[in-house]
Amino acid sequence: MRVAVISFSGNVGKTTIARHLLLPRMPGARIISIESINAGEDEDHVIKGRQFAELQEYLQVVDNVIVDIGASNIEDLLSLMRRYRGSHDDFDFFIVPAVPTIKQQRDTMATLAELSRLGVPPEKVRVVFNMVEDRSEIAPAFSLLLSFLQETPLAQLSADAYLESNEIYARVNGTSADLAAVAADPTDFKSMIAAATDKAERVGLAQRLATRRLAIGVVPELDRCFAALDLKAHAPVSAGC
């Protein structure tokens, strides 16, 4: 399965969605980051948007990949996708994150409209409501986006395809941490904290304990969101899906 995470906006959680929502639930997948700014060291490969020929060739020979398209390069990438007619068919799905702020909602709408102009059908586009407080807040917080999609259904929506704000993503930012592994860590941190004599060591252990507690809560949320995306429903049959 080949999935692109895309938005005209920065700071909407594209990398969080790619690394923590999609990657652990797509066996054998790799992340390709299309970004020239703020690219993390843990991505498998980093290219610039204008290097689309390289990406296009790569997509022909892999079965499972997540392409994290950074906001600073999306214009270059979409321009090249228009030039390479039909290249959007190399992706099985496009994931578009949305956050409550009005500017970002407008950018989400612009992203969905541009994908439609490229020829991407709505059944291949998913919206993830990100950085929300809880499910009951989705309708009021995203009223602008929801009204737009009601009039112009350019994506498949699910009320369960949402992620709540959680500090754990900042805690593990820039690392290759697997949140499921963090949640399952059997270390007895409380005993280690009690036995530690160095203050800095105790603080470090307390931070790891807090991170594990957050991970235990967030992993089921990620599982629910991924299931709601229903990424296999319309995906073409391939060896890796």
Protein backbone atom coordinates (compact mmCIF):
# COMPACT_ATOMS: atom_id res chain seq x y z
CA MET A 1 0.00 0.00 0.00
CA ARG A 2 1.34 3.43 -0.98
CA VAL A 3 0.07 6.32 1.12
CA ALA A 4 0.77 10.05 0.89
CA VAL A 5 0.29 12.35 3.89
CA ILE A 6 -0.27 15.81 2.46
CA SER A 7 -1.39 19.33 3.38
CA PHE A 8 -0.67 22.90 2.36
CA SER A 9 -0.32 23.69 6.07
CA GLY A 10 2.58 23.10 8.37
CA ASN A 11 2.10 22.12 12.02
CA VAL A 12 -0.94 19.94 11.40
CA GLY A 13 0.69 16.66 12.42
CA LYS A 14 1.70 15.13 9.08
CA THR A 15 4.83 13.54 10.49
CA THR A 16 3.00 12.34 13.61
CA ILE A 17 0.42 10.67 11.39
CA ALA A 18 3.07 9.14 9.13
CA ARG A 19 5.34 7.86 11.90
CA HIS A 20 3.01 7.00 14.76
CA LEU A 21 -0.36 6.29 13.13
CA LEU A 22 0.53 4.67 9.80
CA LEU A 23 4.03 3.18 10.01
CA PRO A 24 3.44 0.75 12.92
CA ARG A 25 0.24 -0.52 11.27
CA MET A 26 1.63 -1.03 7.76
CA PRO A 27 3.98 -4.03 8.00
CA GLY A 28 7.17 -3.59 6.01
CA ALA A 29 6.45 0.05 5.14
CA ARG A 30 9.08 2.77 4.88
CA ILE A 31 8.75 6.52 5.26
CA ILE A 32 9.91 8.85 2.51
CA SER A 33 10.08 12.49 3.59
CA ILE A 34 9.64 15.13 0.90
CA GLU A 35 11.00 18.09 2.77
CA SER A 36 13.96 20.42 2.64
CA ILE A 37 13.26 21.98 6.04
CA ASN A 38 13.07 20.26 9.44
CA ALA A 39 13.57 16.77 8.03
CA GLY A 40 14.09 14.30 10.86
CA GLU A 41 17.05 11.97 10.94
CA ASP A 42 14.89 8.88 11.38
CA GLU A 43 13.18 9.03 7.98
CA ASP A 44 14.35 6.35 5.57
CA HIS A 45 14.94 8.83 2.79
CA VAL A 46 14.60 12.57 2.33
CA ILE A 47 14.09 14.24 -1.04
CA LYS A 48 12.93 17.63 -2.26
CA GLY A 49 9.60 18.15 -3.98
CA ARG A 50 11.24 18.94 -7.30
CA GLN A 51 12.90 15.49 -7.32
CA PHE A 52 9.58 13.98 -8.30
CA ALA A 53 11.05 11.77 -11.02
CA GLU A 54 13.09 9.96 -8.36
CA LEU A 55 10.01 9.46 -6.19
CA GLN A 56 7.89 8.32 -9.12
CA GLU A 57 10.44 5.68 -10.11
CA TYR A 58 10.76 4.49 -6.51
CA LEU A 59 7.01 4.05 -6.15
CA GLN A 60 7.00 1.59 -9.04
CA VAL A 61 9.23 -0.89 -7.22
CA VAL A 62 7.89 -0.86 -3.63
CA ASP A 63 4.71 -2.30 -2.19
CA ASN A 64 4.44 -0.45 1.13
CA VAL A 65 5.54 3.15 1.57
CA ILE A 66 4.38 6.29 3.38
CA VAL A 67 5.29 9.58 1.73
CA ASP A 68 5.35 12.49 4.19
CA ILE A 69 4.98 15.61 2.03
CA GLY A 70 6.27 18.69 3.83
CA ALA A 71 4.43 21.99 3.42
CA SER A 72 7.55 23.73 2.11
CA ASN A 73 7.65 21.46 -0.93
CA ILE A 74 4.02 20.70 -1.68
CA GLU A 75 3.74 23.35 -4.41
CA ASP A 76 6.73 21.88 -6.28
CA LEU A 77 5.38 18.37 -5.89
CA LEU A 78 1.85 19.15 -7.08
CA SER A 79 3.17 21.10 -10.03
CA LEU A 80 5.21 18.10 -11.10
CA MET A 81 2.30 15.74 -10.53
CA ARG A 82 0.30 17.86 -12.98
CA ARG A 83 3.14 17.52 -15.48
CA TYR A 84 3.44 13.75 -15.04
CA ARG A 85 -0.15 12.96 -16.01
CA GLY A 86 -1.68 10.10 -14.05
CA SER A 87 1.12 10.03 -11.48
CA HIS A 88 -1.41 10.38 -8.66
CA ASP A 89 -2.44 6.80 -9.45
CA ASP A 90 0.88 5.66 -7.94
CA PHE A 91 -0.71 6.29 -4.54
CA ASP A 92 -3.44 4.11 -3.10
CA PHE A 93 -4.52 6.76 -0.60
CA PHE A 94 -3.98 10.39 0.34
CA ILE A 95 -4.26 11.28 4.03
CA VAL A 96 -5.03 14.95 4.72
CA PRO A 97 -4.68 16.10 8.35
CA ALA A 98 -7.00 18.81 9.65
CA VAL A 99 -6.72 20.86 12.84
CA PRO A 100 -9.31 23.23 14.39
CA THR A 101 -7.70 26.58 13.55
CA ILE A 102 -9.54 28.40 10.75
CA LYS A 103 -6.47 29.08 8.59
CA GLN A 104 -5.46 25.42 8.66
CA GLN A 105 -9.03 24.34 7.85
CA ARG A 106 -8.92 26.57 4.79
CA ASP A 107 -5.58 25.03 3.83
CA THR A 108 -7.12 21.58 4.25
CA MET A 109 -9.96 22.56 1.93
CA ALA A 110 -7.43 23.89 -0.60
CA THR A 111 -5.48 20.63 -0.39
CA LEU A 112 -8.61 18.55 -1.00
CA ALA A 113 -9.61 20.77 -3.93
CA GLU A 114 -6.15 20.46 -5.50
CA LEU A 115 -6.18 16.67 -5.17
CA SER A 116 -9.57 16.66 -6.90
CA ARG A 117 -8.20 18.81 -9.73
CA LEU A 118 -5.39 16.31 -10.17
CA GLY A 119 -8.00 13.61 -10.68
CA VAL A 120 -7.82 11.88 -7.30
CA PRO A 121 -11.27 10.37 -6.56
CA PRO A 122 -12.87 10.98 -3.14
CA GLU A 123 -12.68 7.30 -2.18
CA LYS A 124 -8.88 7.54 -2.18
CA VAL A 125 -8.79 10.57 0.13
CA ARG A 126 -9.10 10.45 3.91
CA VAL A 127 -9.24 13.26 6.47
CA VAL A 128 -7.75 12.85 9.94
CA PHE A 129 -9.16 15.28 12.50
CA ASN A 130 -6.04 16.04 14.52
CA MET A 131 -5.31 17.83 17.80
CA VAL A 132 -8.91 17.63 19.03
CA GLU A 133 -10.11 17.45 22.62
CA ASP A 134 -12.57 14.59 22.11
CA ARG A 135 -15.01 13.26 19.51
CA SER A 136 -17.86 15.51 20.67
CA GLU A 137 -15.78 18.56 19.71
CA ILE A 138 -15.28 17.55 16.06
CA ALA A 139 -18.53 18.99 14.68
CA PRO A 140 -18.23 22.47 16.28
CA ALA A 141 -14.46 22.72 15.94
CA PHE A 142 -14.42 21.72 12.26
CA SER A 143 -17.71 23.28 11.15
CA LEU A 144 -16.06 25.19 8.29
CA LEU A 145 -14.39 22.09 6.84
CA LEU A 146 -17.43 19.88 7.38
CA SER A 147 -19.72 22.36 5.64
CA PHE A 148 -17.33 22.49 2.70
CA LEU A 149 -17.21 18.70 2.44
CA GLN A 150 -20.98 18.42 2.72
CA GLU A 151 -21.33 20.66 -0.32
CA THR A 152 -18.29 19.26 -2.13
CA PRO A 153 -17.62 15.66 -1.03
CA LEU A 154 -13.95 15.38 -1.97
CA ALA A 155 -12.92 12.89 0.73
CA GLN A 156 -14.14 9.97 2.78
CA LEU A 157 -14.92 10.97 6.36
CA SER A 158 -15.27 9.02 9.59
CA ALA A 159 -16.04 10.53 12.97
CA ASP A 160 -13.64 7.98 14.49
CA ALA A 161 -10.71 9.12 12.33
CA TYR A 162 -9.44 11.60 14.89
CA LEU A 163 -6.50 12.03 17.24
CA GLU A 164 -6.59 13.95 20.46
CA SER A 165 -3.90 16.41 21.50
CA ASN A 166 -1.26 14.53 23.46
CA GLU A 167 2.14 15.65 24.74
CA ILE A 168 3.64 12.24 24.00
CA TYR A 169 4.25 13.23 20.39
CA ALA A 170 6.48 16.09 21.52
CA ARG A 171 8.24 13.76 23.97
CA VAL A 172 9.23 11.29 21.22
CA ASN A 173 9.73 13.87 18.44
CA GLY A 174 12.95 13.28 16.54
CA THR A 175 13.28 9.68 17.69
CA SER A 176 12.30 6.36 16.15
CA ALA A 177 10.33 5.36 19.24
CA ASP A 178 7.59 2.76 18.68
CA LEU A 179 4.77 3.83 20.99
CA ALA A 180 3.46 0.28 21.31
CA ALA A 181 6.90 -0.83 22.49
CA VAL A 182 7.07 2.11 24.89
CA ALA A 183 3.66 1.16 26.29
CA ALA A 184 4.73 -2.47 26.73
CA ASP A 185 8.06 -1.66 28.42
CA PRO A 186 8.11 -3.85 31.59
CA THR A 187 10.73 -1.74 33.41
CA ASP A 188 9.90 -1.14 37.08
CA PHE A 189 10.58 2.58 36.96
CA LYS A 190 9.18 3.29 40.42
CA SER A 191 11.61 0.88 42.08
CA MET A 192 14.47 2.29 40.03
CA ILE A 193 13.52 5.84 41.00
CA ALA A 194 13.41 4.86 44.68
CA ALA A 195 16.84 3.25 44.43
CA ALA A 196 18.52 6.02 42.44
CA THR A 197 20.73 8.43 44.38
CA ASP A 198 21.46 10.88 41.56
CA LYS A 199 18.79 13.54 41.08
CA ALA A 200 19.26 13.76 37.32
CA GLU A 201 18.90 9.98 37.02
CA ARG A 202 15.69 10.05 39.05
CA VAL A 203 14.26 12.81 36.86
CA GLY A 204 15.15 10.85 33.72
CA LEU A 205 13.47 7.72 35.04
CA ALA A 206 10.38 9.71 36.06
CA GLN A 207 10.17 11.12 32.54
CA ARG A 208 10.35 7.62 31.05
CA LEU A 209 7.59 6.48 33.42
CA ALA A 210 5.40 9.41 32.37
CA THR A 211 6.06 8.68 28.69
CA ARG A 212 5.06 5.04 29.17
CA ARG A 213 1.84 6.05 30.90
CA LEU A 214 0.99 8.39 28.03
CA ALA A 215 1.80 5.67 25.48
CA ILE A 216 -0.49 3.17 27.22
CA GLY A 217 -3.34 5.62 26.72
CA VAL A 218 -2.54 6.74 23.18
CA VAL A 219 -1.90 3.38 21.46
CA PRO A 220 -5.59 2.29 21.57
CA GLU A 221 -6.52 5.73 20.21
CA LEU A 222 -4.13 5.27 17.29
CA ASP A 223 -5.54 1.78 16.65
CA ARG A 224 -9.07 3.18 16.56
CA CYS A 225 -8.14 6.00 14.21
CA PHE A 226 -6.29 3.69 11.82
CA ALA A 227 -9.23 1.27 11.71
CA ALA A 228 -11.58 4.18 10.96
CA LEU A 229 -9.47 5.19 7.95
CA ASP A 230 -10.38 1.85 6.34
CA LEU A 231 -7.35 1.97 4.08
CA LYS A 232 -7.89 -1.43 2.48
CA ALA A 233 -11.45 -0.82 1.35
CA HIS A 234 -10.58 0.66 -2.05
CA ALA A 235 -6.90 -0.15 -2.39
CA PRO A 236 -5.83 -1.88 -5.61
CA VAL A 237 -4.67 -5.46 -5.15
CA SER A 238 -0.89 -5.72 -5.02
CA ALA A 239 1.68 -8.11 -3.63
CA GLY A 240 2.30 -5.98 -0.57
CA CYS A 241 -1.26 -5.12 0.49
